[in-house]
Amino acid sequence: MSWHIRESVRRLAAGGVIAYPTETVFGLGCDPFNAAAVLRLLELKQRSSTHGLILIASDFTRLEPLLQPVSPEVNNRLMETWPGPVSWVLPCLPEIPLWLRGRHPTLAVRVTSHPLARSLCEAWNGPLVSTSANLRGKPPATSAMGVRMAFDDSLDYILHGRVSRSGKPSEIRDGLTGRVLRASQANRPQD
């Protein structure tokens, strides 16, 4: 494990908000079960807590305990796109905090294929919040420099690396119907 991954995990464990590369854009992340960290992340992004957030993990077994059981058909649908840049909105357990699911009975989840994001999730030993690194209504950052320009010194750490497909935020689909809720669109401003 690299020093940079260890430092990222150290900052996450201390309640920090970090930036890291994903398949599509740089993401902001924190411990999803640390309310103060999630609320700080939302404040930094200028984003409402009612929308809900995406959680990423290195494998589905890290996400399953947060979700209602899915049918074999739904499971097959998920596995056709994972690991990869597609997030699925699935019914979650009722005890999942509002700061993660917003006003919804669902949770958006993704098994990441990005090597650094996967290594980070593995070292963290669980899921992480993953939301585009941008201020509300602005295009997401596609580089560490873009993150620094958007957030100055307000983040606790930036894990340097390259995104896999620059500028195209990940697709979001409804897990039960397969309907596309957000298509990948280059340079689309994100909440």
N, C-alpha and C. Protein backbone atom coordinates (compact mmCIF):
# COMPACT_ATOMS: atom_id res chain seq x y z
N MET A 1 0.85 -1.18 0.00
CA MET A 1 0.00 0.00 0.00
C MET A 1 0.90 1.24 0.00
N SER A 2 0.58 2.19 -0.85
CA SER A 2 1.40 3.39 -0.97
C SER A 2 1.21 4.33 0.23
N TRP A 3 2.19 5.19 0.42
CA TRP A 3 2.11 6.19 1.47
C TRP A 3 0.89 7.08 1.26
N HIS A 4 0.57 7.39 0.01
CA HIS A 4 -0.56 8.29 -0.30
C HIS A 4 -1.90 7.65 0.08
N ILE A 5 -2.03 6.36 -0.14
CA ILE A 5 -3.26 5.67 0.27
C ILE A 5 -3.34 5.65 1.79
N ARG A 6 -2.23 5.32 2.46
CA ARG A 6 -2.21 5.31 3.93
C ARG A 6 -2.57 6.68 4.49
N GLU A 7 -2.04 7.74 3.90
CA GLU A 7 -2.35 9.09 4.37
C GLU A 7 -3.82 9.43 4.13
N SER A 8 -4.38 9.01 3.01
CA SER A 8 -5.80 9.23 2.73
C SER A 8 -6.66 8.54 3.79
N VAL A 9 -6.33 7.30 4.12
CA VAL A 9 -7.08 6.55 5.12
C VAL A 9 -6.94 7.22 6.49
N ARG A 10 -5.75 7.68 6.82
CA ARG A 10 -5.54 8.38 8.09
C ARG A 10 -6.44 9.61 8.18
N ARG A 11 -6.52 10.37 7.11
CA ARG A 11 -7.36 11.58 7.10
C ARG A 11 -8.84 11.21 7.19
N LEU A 12 -9.26 10.16 6.49
CA LEU A 12 -10.65 9.72 6.57
C LEU A 12 -11.00 9.29 7.99
N ALA A 13 -10.12 8.54 8.62
CA ALA A 13 -10.36 8.06 9.99
C ALA A 13 -10.46 9.20 10.98
N ALA A 14 -9.80 10.32 10.67
CA ALA A 14 -9.86 11.50 11.55
C ALA A 14 -11.07 12.38 11.25
N GLY A 15 -11.96 11.91 10.37
CA GLY A 15 -13.16 12.68 10.04
C GLY A 15 -12.95 13.66 8.90
N GLY A 16 -11.90 13.45 8.12
CA GLY A 16 -11.58 14.38 7.05
C GLY A 16 -12.38 14.16 5.78
N VAL A 17 -12.30 15.17 4.93
CA VAL A 17 -12.88 15.12 3.58
C VAL A 17 -11.71 15.16 2.61
N ILE A 18 -11.67 14.19 1.70
CA ILE A 18 -10.56 14.10 0.76
C ILE A 18 -11.10 14.13 -0.67
N ALA A 19 -10.20 14.33 -1.62
CA ALA A 19 -10.52 14.22 -3.04
C ALA A 19 -9.68 13.10 -3.62
N TYR A 20 -10.23 12.39 -4.61
CA TYR A 20 -9.52 11.28 -5.22
C TYR A 20 -10.05 11.08 -6.64
N PRO A 21 -9.24 10.49 -7.52
CA PRO A 21 -9.70 10.25 -8.89
C PRO A 21 -10.65 9.05 -8.94
N THR A 22 -11.62 9.13 -9.84
CA THR A 22 -12.52 8.01 -10.09
C THR A 22 -12.48 7.69 -11.59
N GLU A 23 -13.38 6.85 -12.02
CA GLU A 23 -13.42 6.51 -13.44
C GLU A 23 -13.66 7.74 -14.31
N THR A 24 -14.42 8.69 -13.81
CA THR A 24 -14.92 9.75 -14.68
C THR A 24 -14.45 11.16 -14.31
N VAL A 25 -14.48 11.50 -13.04
CA VAL A 25 -14.06 12.82 -12.56
C VAL A 25 -13.40 12.63 -11.20
N PHE A 26 -12.86 13.68 -10.63
CA PHE A 26 -12.39 13.60 -9.25
C PHE A 26 -13.61 13.60 -8.34
N GLY A 27 -13.52 12.79 -7.30
CA GLY A 27 -14.60 12.71 -6.33
C GLY A 27 -14.17 13.28 -5.00
N LEU A 28 -15.16 13.71 -4.24
CA LEU A 28 -14.94 14.08 -2.83
C LEU A 28 -15.46 12.91 -2.01
N GLY A 29 -14.73 12.56 -0.97
CA GLY A 29 -15.14 11.43 -0.17
C GLY A 29 -14.88 11.63 1.30
N CYS A 30 -15.58 10.82 2.09
CA CYS A 30 -15.40 10.82 3.54
C CYS A 30 -16.01 9.52 4.07
N ASP A 31 -15.89 9.32 5.35
CA ASP A 31 -16.51 8.19 6.02
C ASP A 31 -18.02 8.38 5.96
N PRO A 32 -18.76 7.50 5.31
CA PRO A 32 -20.20 7.70 5.18
C PRO A 32 -20.96 7.65 6.49
N PHE A 33 -20.36 7.09 7.53
CA PHE A 33 -21.06 6.95 8.80
C PHE A 33 -20.63 7.99 9.83
N ASN A 34 -19.85 8.97 9.40
CA ASN A 34 -19.46 10.08 10.24
C ASN A 34 -20.29 11.28 9.81
N ALA A 35 -21.36 11.56 10.55
CA ALA A 35 -22.30 12.61 10.17
C ALA A 35 -21.61 13.96 10.00
N ALA A 36 -20.69 14.30 10.91
CA ALA A 36 -20.01 15.59 10.81
C ALA A 36 -19.20 15.69 9.52
N ALA A 37 -18.53 14.60 9.15
CA ALA A 37 -17.73 14.62 7.92
C ALA A 37 -18.63 14.77 6.69
N VAL A 38 -19.74 14.03 6.65
CA VAL A 38 -20.65 14.12 5.50
C VAL A 38 -21.25 15.51 5.42
N LEU A 39 -21.68 16.07 6.53
CA LEU A 39 -22.27 17.41 6.50
C LEU A 39 -21.24 18.46 6.10
N ARG A 40 -20.00 18.29 6.50
CA ARG A 40 -18.94 19.20 6.05
C ARG A 40 -18.72 19.08 4.55
N LEU A 41 -18.71 17.85 4.03
CA LEU A 41 -18.56 17.64 2.59
C LEU A 41 -19.69 18.35 1.84
N LEU A 42 -20.92 18.18 2.30
CA LEU A 42 -22.06 18.83 1.64
C LEU A 42 -21.94 20.36 1.70
N GLU A 43 -21.47 20.86 2.82
CA GLU A 43 -21.27 22.31 2.95
C GLU A 43 -20.20 22.80 1.98
N LEU A 44 -19.10 22.06 1.87
CA LEU A 44 -18.04 22.44 0.93
C LEU A 44 -18.56 22.49 -0.50
N LYS A 45 -19.41 21.53 -0.86
CA LYS A 45 -19.97 21.48 -2.21
C LYS A 45 -21.13 22.46 -2.41
N GLN A 46 -21.65 23.00 -1.32
CA GLN A 46 -22.84 23.85 -1.36
C GLN A 46 -24.04 23.05 -1.88
N ARG A 47 -24.16 21.84 -1.38
CA ARG A 47 -25.19 20.90 -1.82
C ARG A 47 -26.14 20.56 -0.69
N SER A 48 -27.40 20.44 -1.00
CA SER A 48 -28.42 20.08 -0.02
C SER A 48 -28.28 18.62 0.40
N SER A 49 -28.61 18.35 1.63
CA SER A 49 -28.56 16.97 2.13
C SER A 49 -29.77 16.16 1.68
N THR A 50 -30.74 16.78 1.03
CA THR A 50 -31.96 16.06 0.62
C THR A 50 -31.76 15.21 -0.62
N HIS A 51 -30.68 15.42 -1.37
CA HIS A 51 -30.47 14.69 -2.62
C HIS A 51 -29.96 13.27 -2.42
N GLY A 52 -29.22 13.01 -1.38
CA GLY A 52 -28.58 11.72 -1.21
C GLY A 52 -27.21 11.71 -1.87
N LEU A 53 -26.41 10.72 -1.53
CA LEU A 53 -25.04 10.62 -2.02
C LEU A 53 -24.78 9.23 -2.59
N ILE A 54 -23.72 9.11 -3.37
CA ILE A 54 -23.27 7.83 -3.89
C ILE A 54 -22.21 7.27 -2.95
N LEU A 55 -22.29 5.98 -2.71
CA LEU A 55 -21.23 5.28 -1.99
C LEU A 55 -20.52 4.36 -2.96
N ILE A 56 -19.19 4.34 -2.90
CA ILE A 56 -18.42 3.41 -3.71
C ILE A 56 -17.73 2.40 -2.80
N ALA A 57 -17.40 1.27 -3.40
CA ALA A 57 -16.68 0.23 -2.68
C ALA A 57 -15.85 -0.55 -3.68
N SER A 58 -14.94 -1.37 -3.15
CA SER A 58 -14.11 -2.20 -4.03
C SER A 58 -14.81 -3.47 -4.46
N ASP A 59 -15.87 -3.86 -3.73
CA ASP A 59 -16.68 -5.01 -4.14
C ASP A 59 -18.06 -4.89 -3.51
N PHE A 60 -19.01 -5.62 -4.09
CA PHE A 60 -20.41 -5.50 -3.68
C PHE A 60 -20.64 -5.96 -2.25
N THR A 61 -19.81 -6.86 -1.74
CA THR A 61 -20.01 -7.35 -0.37
C THR A 61 -19.90 -6.23 0.65
N ARG A 62 -19.22 -5.14 0.31
CA ARG A 62 -19.09 -3.99 1.23
C ARG A 62 -20.34 -3.12 1.22
N LEU A 63 -21.15 -3.25 0.18
CA LEU A 63 -22.37 -2.44 0.03
C LEU A 63 -23.63 -3.20 0.43
N GLU A 64 -23.64 -4.50 0.23
CA GLU A 64 -24.83 -5.33 0.48
C GLU A 64 -25.43 -5.14 1.87
N PRO A 65 -24.63 -5.01 2.95
CA PRO A 65 -25.24 -4.88 4.27
C PRO A 65 -26.06 -3.60 4.46
N LEU A 66 -25.96 -2.66 3.52
CA LEU A 66 -26.69 -1.40 3.61
C LEU A 66 -28.01 -1.45 2.85
N LEU A 67 -28.20 -2.49 2.07
CA LEU A 67 -29.30 -2.55 1.11
C LEU A 67 -30.32 -3.63 1.45
N GLN A 68 -31.54 -3.44 0.94
CA GLN A 68 -32.53 -4.51 0.97
C GLN A 68 -32.01 -5.61 0.04
N PRO A 69 -32.34 -6.85 0.29
CA PRO A 69 -31.91 -7.92 -0.62
C PRO A 69 -32.45 -7.67 -2.03
N VAL A 70 -31.62 -8.00 -3.02
CA VAL A 70 -32.04 -7.81 -4.41
C VAL A 70 -32.28 -9.17 -5.06
N SER A 71 -33.13 -9.18 -6.06
CA SER A 71 -33.45 -10.42 -6.77
C SER A 71 -32.25 -10.83 -7.62
N PRO A 72 -32.20 -12.09 -8.03
CA PRO A 72 -31.12 -12.52 -8.92
C PRO A 72 -31.09 -11.71 -10.22
N GLU A 73 -32.26 -11.32 -10.72
CA GLU A 73 -32.33 -10.51 -11.94
C GLU A 73 -31.65 -9.15 -11.73
N VAL A 74 -31.95 -8.49 -10.62
CA VAL A 74 -31.33 -7.20 -10.32
C VAL A 74 -29.84 -7.40 -10.10
N ASN A 75 -29.47 -8.43 -9.36
CA ASN A 75 -28.06 -8.70 -9.11
C ASN A 75 -27.30 -8.88 -10.43
N ASN A 76 -27.88 -9.60 -11.37
CA ASN A 76 -27.24 -9.78 -12.68
C ASN A 76 -27.07 -8.45 -13.41
N ARG A 77 -28.08 -7.59 -13.31
CA ARG A 77 -28.03 -6.28 -13.94
C ARG A 77 -26.86 -5.47 -13.37
N LEU A 78 -26.69 -5.51 -12.07
CA LEU A 78 -25.60 -4.77 -11.43
C LEU A 78 -24.25 -5.31 -11.88
N MET A 79 -24.11 -6.64 -11.85
CA MET A 79 -22.83 -7.26 -12.15
C MET A 79 -22.41 -7.09 -13.60
N GLU A 80 -23.38 -6.82 -14.49
CA GLU A 80 -23.04 -6.55 -15.89
C GLU A 80 -22.27 -5.25 -16.06
N THR A 81 -22.40 -4.34 -15.09
CA THR A 81 -21.74 -3.03 -15.21
C THR A 81 -20.62 -2.82 -14.19
N TRP A 82 -20.46 -3.74 -13.26
CA TRP A 82 -19.46 -3.56 -12.20
C TRP A 82 -18.34 -4.58 -12.34
N PRO A 83 -17.14 -4.17 -11.93
CA PRO A 83 -16.77 -2.82 -11.54
C PRO A 83 -16.81 -1.88 -12.75
N GLY A 84 -17.18 -0.64 -12.49
CA GLY A 84 -17.26 0.33 -13.56
C GLY A 84 -17.97 1.61 -13.16
N PRO A 85 -18.16 2.52 -14.11
CA PRO A 85 -18.65 3.86 -13.81
C PRO A 85 -20.17 4.00 -13.79
N VAL A 86 -20.90 2.94 -13.44
CA VAL A 86 -22.36 3.02 -13.35
C VAL A 86 -22.76 2.87 -11.89
N SER A 87 -23.50 3.87 -11.38
CA SER A 87 -24.05 3.80 -10.03
C SER A 87 -25.50 3.35 -10.13
N TRP A 88 -25.90 2.51 -9.19
CA TRP A 88 -27.26 1.97 -9.16
C TRP A 88 -27.97 2.45 -7.91
N VAL A 89 -29.20 2.91 -8.06
CA VAL A 89 -30.04 3.34 -6.95
C VAL A 89 -30.88 2.15 -6.54
N LEU A 90 -30.70 1.72 -5.28
CA LEU A 90 -31.35 0.51 -4.79
C LEU A 90 -32.04 0.78 -3.45
N PRO A 91 -33.11 0.04 -3.15
CA PRO A 91 -33.75 0.20 -1.85
C PRO A 91 -32.76 -0.13 -0.72
N CYS A 92 -32.70 0.76 0.26
CA CYS A 92 -31.76 0.56 1.37
C CYS A 92 -32.51 0.20 2.64
N LEU A 93 -31.75 -0.22 3.62
CA LEU A 93 -32.33 -0.51 4.92
C LEU A 93 -32.85 0.79 5.54
N PRO A 94 -33.93 0.71 6.31
CA PRO A 94 -34.52 1.94 6.87
C PRO A 94 -33.60 2.68 7.84
N GLU A 95 -32.64 1.99 8.42
CA GLU A 95 -31.75 2.65 9.39
C GLU A 95 -30.58 3.39 8.72
N ILE A 96 -30.50 3.38 7.39
CA ILE A 96 -29.44 4.13 6.71
C ILE A 96 -29.68 5.61 6.98
N PRO A 97 -28.65 6.32 7.43
CA PRO A 97 -28.82 7.73 7.82
C PRO A 97 -29.34 8.62 6.68
N LEU A 98 -30.16 9.59 7.07
CA LEU A 98 -30.71 10.54 6.11
C LEU A 98 -29.62 11.30 5.37
N TRP A 99 -28.47 11.53 6.04
CA TRP A 99 -27.42 12.29 5.37
C TRP A 99 -26.83 11.52 4.19
N LEU A 100 -27.08 10.21 4.09
CA LEU A 100 -26.61 9.42 2.95
C LEU A 100 -27.70 9.25 1.89
N ARG A 101 -28.92 8.97 2.33
CA ARG A 101 -29.98 8.68 1.36
C ARG A 101 -30.84 9.90 1.04
N GLY A 102 -30.65 10.99 1.76
CA GLY A 102 -31.48 12.17 1.52
C GLY A 102 -32.93 11.88 1.86
N ARG A 103 -33.83 12.33 1.03
CA ARG A 103 -35.26 12.14 1.30
C ARG A 103 -35.79 10.86 0.66
N HIS A 104 -34.90 9.97 0.28
CA HIS A 104 -35.28 8.77 -0.48
C HIS A 104 -35.16 7.51 0.38
N PRO A 105 -35.93 6.46 0.03
CA PRO A 105 -35.78 5.16 0.69
C PRO A 105 -34.74 4.31 -0.02
N THR A 106 -33.89 4.96 -0.81
CA THR A 106 -32.90 4.26 -1.63
C THR A 106 -31.51 4.84 -1.37
N LEU A 107 -30.52 4.12 -1.88
CA LEU A 107 -29.13 4.53 -1.76
C LEU A 107 -28.46 4.27 -3.10
N ALA A 108 -27.66 5.22 -3.55
CA ALA A 108 -26.91 5.06 -4.80
C ALA A 108 -25.56 4.43 -4.47
N VAL A 109 -25.22 3.34 -5.17
CA VAL A 109 -24.00 2.59 -4.88
C VAL A 109 -23.28 2.23 -6.18
N ARG A 110 -21.96 2.05 -6.05
CA ARG A 110 -21.16 1.67 -7.22
C ARG A 110 -19.94 0.88 -6.76
N VAL A 111 -19.60 -0.14 -7.52
CA VAL A 111 -18.33 -0.85 -7.33
C VAL A 111 -17.37 -0.22 -8.33
N THR A 112 -16.37 0.47 -7.82
CA THR A 112 -15.46 1.23 -8.67
C THR A 112 -14.44 0.34 -9.37
N SER A 113 -14.10 0.75 -10.58
CA SER A 113 -13.05 0.05 -11.32
C SER A 113 -11.75 0.86 -11.36
N HIS A 114 -11.78 2.08 -10.82
CA HIS A 114 -10.58 2.91 -10.86
C HIS A 114 -9.54 2.33 -9.89
N PRO A 115 -8.32 2.10 -10.35
CA PRO A 115 -7.32 1.43 -9.49
C PRO A 115 -7.05 2.16 -8.17
N LEU A 116 -6.92 3.47 -8.19
CA LEU A 116 -6.66 4.19 -6.93
C LEU A 116 -7.89 4.20 -6.03
N ALA A 117 -9.06 4.43 -6.61
CA ALA A 117 -10.28 4.44 -5.80
C ALA A 117 -10.51 3.05 -5.19
N ARG A 118 -10.25 2.00 -5.96
CA ARG A 118 -10.39 0.63 -5.43
C ARG A 118 -9.41 0.39 -4.29
N SER A 119 -8.15 0.79 -4.49
CA SER A 119 -7.14 0.62 -3.45
C SER A 119 -7.51 1.40 -2.19
N LEU A 120 -8.05 2.59 -2.38
CA LEU A 120 -8.48 3.41 -1.25
C LEU A 120 -9.61 2.71 -0.49
N CYS A 121 -10.61 2.22 -1.21
CA CYS A 121 -11.72 1.51 -0.55
C CYS A 121 -11.24 0.25 0.16
N GLU A 122 -10.31 -0.48 -0.46
CA GLU A 122 -9.78 -1.68 0.18
C GLU A 122 -9.01 -1.34 1.45
N ALA A 123 -8.19 -0.30 1.38
CA ALA A 123 -7.42 0.11 2.57
C ALA A 123 -8.34 0.65 3.65
N TRP A 124 -9.41 1.33 3.26
CA TRP A 124 -10.40 1.86 4.21
C TRP A 124 -11.22 0.72 4.80
N ASN A 125 -11.32 -0.37 4.07
CA ASN A 125 -12.04 -1.57 4.51
C ASN A 125 -13.56 -1.35 4.58
N GLY A 126 -14.06 -0.58 3.62
CA GLY A 126 -15.50 -0.33 3.58
C GLY A 126 -15.85 0.66 2.50
N PRO A 127 -17.12 1.04 2.43
CA PRO A 127 -17.55 2.01 1.42
C PRO A 127 -17.14 3.43 1.79
N LEU A 128 -17.07 4.27 0.77
CA LEU A 128 -16.77 5.69 0.94
C LEU A 128 -17.81 6.52 0.19
N VAL A 129 -18.06 7.72 0.69
CA VAL A 129 -18.87 8.67 -0.06
C VAL A 129 -18.09 9.02 -1.33
N SER A 130 -18.80 9.14 -2.44
CA SER A 130 -18.18 9.54 -3.69
C SER A 130 -19.13 10.48 -4.42
N THR A 131 -18.82 11.76 -4.37
CA THR A 131 -19.60 12.77 -5.07
C THR A 131 -18.64 13.63 -5.86
N SER A 132 -19.07 14.11 -6.99
CA SER A 132 -18.16 14.86 -7.86
C SER A 132 -17.54 16.06 -7.14
N ALA A 133 -16.28 16.29 -7.43
CA ALA A 133 -15.52 17.37 -6.80
C ALA A 133 -15.79 18.68 -7.54
N ASN A 134 -16.84 19.34 -7.11
CA ASN A 134 -17.21 20.62 -7.69
C ASN A 134 -18.14 21.36 -6.74
N LEU A 135 -18.21 22.65 -6.95
CA LEU A 135 -19.21 23.46 -6.26
C LEU A 135 -20.51 23.31 -7.04
N ARG A 136 -21.62 23.42 -6.35
CA ARG A 136 -22.93 23.25 -6.98
C ARG A 136 -23.05 24.11 -8.24
N GLY A 137 -23.46 23.46 -9.34
CA GLY A 137 -23.67 24.17 -10.59
C GLY A 137 -22.42 24.39 -11.43
N LYS A 138 -21.26 23.97 -10.95
CA LYS A 138 -20.00 24.11 -11.69
C LYS A 138 -19.58 22.75 -12.25
N PRO A 139 -18.79 22.75 -13.33
CA PRO A 139 -18.31 21.46 -13.85
C PRO A 139 -17.41 20.75 -12.84
N PRO A 140 -17.46 19.43 -12.82
CA PRO A 140 -16.62 18.68 -11.89
C PRO A 140 -15.15 18.74 -12.28
N ALA A 141 -14.29 18.69 -11.27
CA ALA A 141 -12.84 18.70 -11.50
C ALA A 141 -12.41 17.37 -12.10
N THR A 142 -11.50 17.45 -13.05
CA THR A 142 -10.96 16.24 -13.69
C THR A 142 -9.48 16.07 -13.40
N SER A 143 -8.93 16.90 -12.50
CA SER A 143 -7.53 16.79 -12.12
C SER A 143 -7.37 17.29 -10.69
N ALA A 144 -6.23 16.94 -10.10
CA ALA A 144 -5.93 17.43 -8.75
C ALA A 144 -5.84 18.95 -8.75
N MET A 145 -5.30 19.53 -9.81
CA MET A 145 -5.22 20.99 -9.90
C MET A 145 -6.62 21.60 -9.95
N GLY A 146 -7.52 20.98 -10.69
CA GLY A 146 -8.90 21.46 -10.73
C GLY A 146 -9.57 21.41 -9.36
N VAL A 147 -9.28 20.36 -8.59
CA VAL A 147 -9.81 20.25 -7.23
C VAL A 147 -9.27 21.39 -6.38
N ARG A 148 -7.96 21.62 -6.46
CA ARG A 148 -7.34 22.69 -5.66
C ARG A 148 -7.92 24.05 -6.03
N MET A 149 -8.16 24.28 -7.32
CA MET A 149 -8.71 25.56 -7.75
C MET A 149 -10.14 25.75 -7.23
N ALA A 150 -10.91 24.67 -7.18
CA ALA A 150 -12.30 24.76 -6.72
C ALA A 150 -12.41 24.89 -5.20
N PHE A 151 -11.52 24.23 -4.47
CA PHE A 151 -11.68 24.13 -3.02
C PHE A 151 -10.55 24.75 -2.21
N ASP A 152 -9.58 25.38 -2.87
CA ASP A 152 -8.44 25.99 -2.18
C ASP A 152 -7.84 24.99 -1.20
N ASP A 153 -7.71 25.39 0.05
CA ASP A 153 -7.13 24.53 1.08
C ASP A 153 -8.18 23.97 2.03
N SER A 154 -9.44 23.89 1.58
CA SER A 154 -10.51 23.48 2.49
C SER A 154 -10.64 21.96 2.63
N LEU A 155 -9.96 21.19 1.78
CA LEU A 155 -9.99 19.73 1.90
C LEU A 155 -8.84 19.25 2.78
N ASP A 156 -8.99 18.07 3.33
CA ASP A 156 -7.96 17.52 4.21
C ASP A 156 -6.85 16.80 3.45
N TYR A 157 -7.15 16.34 2.23
CA TYR A 157 -6.12 15.66 1.45
C TYR A 157 -6.61 15.49 0.02
N ILE A 158 -5.69 15.52 -0.93
CA ILE A 158 -5.98 15.20 -2.32
C ILE A 158 -5.10 14.04 -2.72
N LEU A 159 -5.73 12.93 -3.11
CA LEU A 159 -5.01 11.76 -3.60
C LEU A 159 -4.80 11.98 -5.10
N HIS A 160 -3.57 12.22 -5.49
CA HIS A 160 -3.26 12.53 -6.88
C HIS A 160 -3.34 11.29 -7.75
N GLY A 161 -3.82 11.48 -8.96
CA GLY A 161 -3.94 10.41 -9.94
C GLY A 161 -4.75 10.92 -11.12
N ARG A 162 -4.92 10.07 -12.10
CA ARG A 162 -5.67 10.44 -13.30
C ARG A 162 -7.05 9.77 -13.28
N VAL A 163 -8.04 10.50 -13.81
CA VAL A 163 -9.34 9.89 -14.01
C VAL A 163 -9.27 9.03 -15.27
N SER A 164 -10.11 8.03 -15.34
CA SER A 164 -10.07 7.10 -16.48
C SER A 164 -10.68 7.69 -17.75
N ARG A 165 -11.80 8.40 -17.59
CA ARG A 165 -12.50 8.99 -18.74
C ARG A 165 -12.85 10.42 -18.39
N SER A 166 -11.96 11.31 -18.64
CA SER A 166 -12.06 12.69 -18.20
C SER A 166 -13.35 13.38 -18.62
N GLY A 167 -14.00 14.01 -17.63
CA GLY A 167 -15.10 14.93 -17.88
C GLY A 167 -16.47 14.33 -18.03
N LYS A 168 -16.63 13.03 -17.91
CA LYS A 168 -17.94 12.42 -18.09
C LYS A 168 -18.42 11.83 -16.78
N PRO A 169 -19.23 12.57 -16.01
CA PRO A 169 -19.73 12.04 -14.74
C PRO A 169 -20.42 10.69 -14.93
N SER A 170 -20.33 9.87 -13.92
CA SER A 170 -20.84 8.50 -14.02
C SER A 170 -22.35 8.48 -14.25
N GLU A 171 -22.76 7.42 -14.88
CA GLU A 171 -24.17 7.19 -15.13
C GLU A 171 -24.82 6.69 -13.86
N ILE A 172 -26.08 7.08 -13.65
CA ILE A 172 -26.86 6.59 -12.51
C ILE A 172 -28.12 5.94 -13.07
N ARG A 173 -28.39 4.71 -12.59
CA ARG A 173 -29.57 3.96 -13.05
C ARG A 173 -30.40 3.49 -11.86
N ASP A 174 -31.68 3.33 -12.09
CA ASP A 174 -32.58 2.74 -11.11
C ASP A 174 -32.35 1.23 -11.12
N GLY A 175 -31.99 0.68 -9.97
CA GLY A 175 -31.66 -0.73 -9.90
C GLY A 175 -32.82 -1.67 -10.15
N LEU A 176 -34.04 -1.24 -9.83
CA LEU A 176 -35.19 -2.12 -9.99
C LEU A 176 -35.73 -2.13 -11.41
N THR A 177 -35.61 -0.99 -12.11
CA THR A 177 -36.17 -0.89 -13.46
C THR A 177 -35.10 -0.86 -14.55
N GLY A 178 -33.86 -0.50 -14.20
CA GLY A 178 -32.80 -0.33 -15.19
C GLY A 178 -32.84 1.02 -15.88
N ARG A 179 -33.83 1.85 -15.56
CA ARG A 179 -33.99 3.16 -16.20
C ARG A 179 -32.80 4.06 -15.88
N VAL A 180 -32.31 4.79 -16.88
CA VAL A 180 -31.21 5.72 -16.69
C VAL A 180 -31.75 6.99 -16.02
N LEU A 181 -31.19 7.32 -14.85
CA LEU A 181 -31.59 8.52 -14.12
C LEU A 181 -30.69 9.70 -14.44
N ARG A 182 -29.42 9.40 -14.73
CA ARG A 182 -28.45 10.42 -15.16
C ARG A 182 -27.50 9.76 -16.14
N ALA A 183 -27.47 10.28 -17.35
CA ALA A 183 -26.58 9.74 -18.37
C ALA A 183 -25.22 10.40 -18.23
N SER A 184 -24.18 9.70 -18.68
CA SER A 184 -22.84 10.28 -18.72
C SER A 184 -22.85 11.38 -19.78
N GLN A 185 -22.52 12.59 -19.35
CA GLN A 185 -22.47 13.72 -20.28
C GLN A 185 -21.21 14.51 -19.99
N ALA A 186 -20.42 14.77 -20.99
CA ALA A 186 -19.17 15.50 -20.81
C ALA A 186 -19.41 16.88 -20.26
N ASN A 187 -18.60 17.25 -19.24
CA ASN A 187 -18.60 18.58 -18.63
C ASN A 187 -19.94 19.05 -18.13
N ARG A 188 -20.79 18.13 -17.72
CA ARG A 188 -22.10 18.47 -17.17
C ARG A 188 -21.93 18.94 -15.73
N PRO A 189 -22.46 20.11 -15.35
CA PRO A 189 -22.38 20.53 -13.96
C PRO A 189 -23.10 19.52 -13.07
N GLN A 190 -22.56 19.28 -11.90
CA GLN A 190 -23.12 18.31 -10.97
C GLN A 190 -23.54 19.01 -9.68
N ASP A 191 -24.56 18.44 -9.02
CA ASP A 191 -24.95 18.94 -7.70
C ASP A 191 -23.95 18.47 -6.68
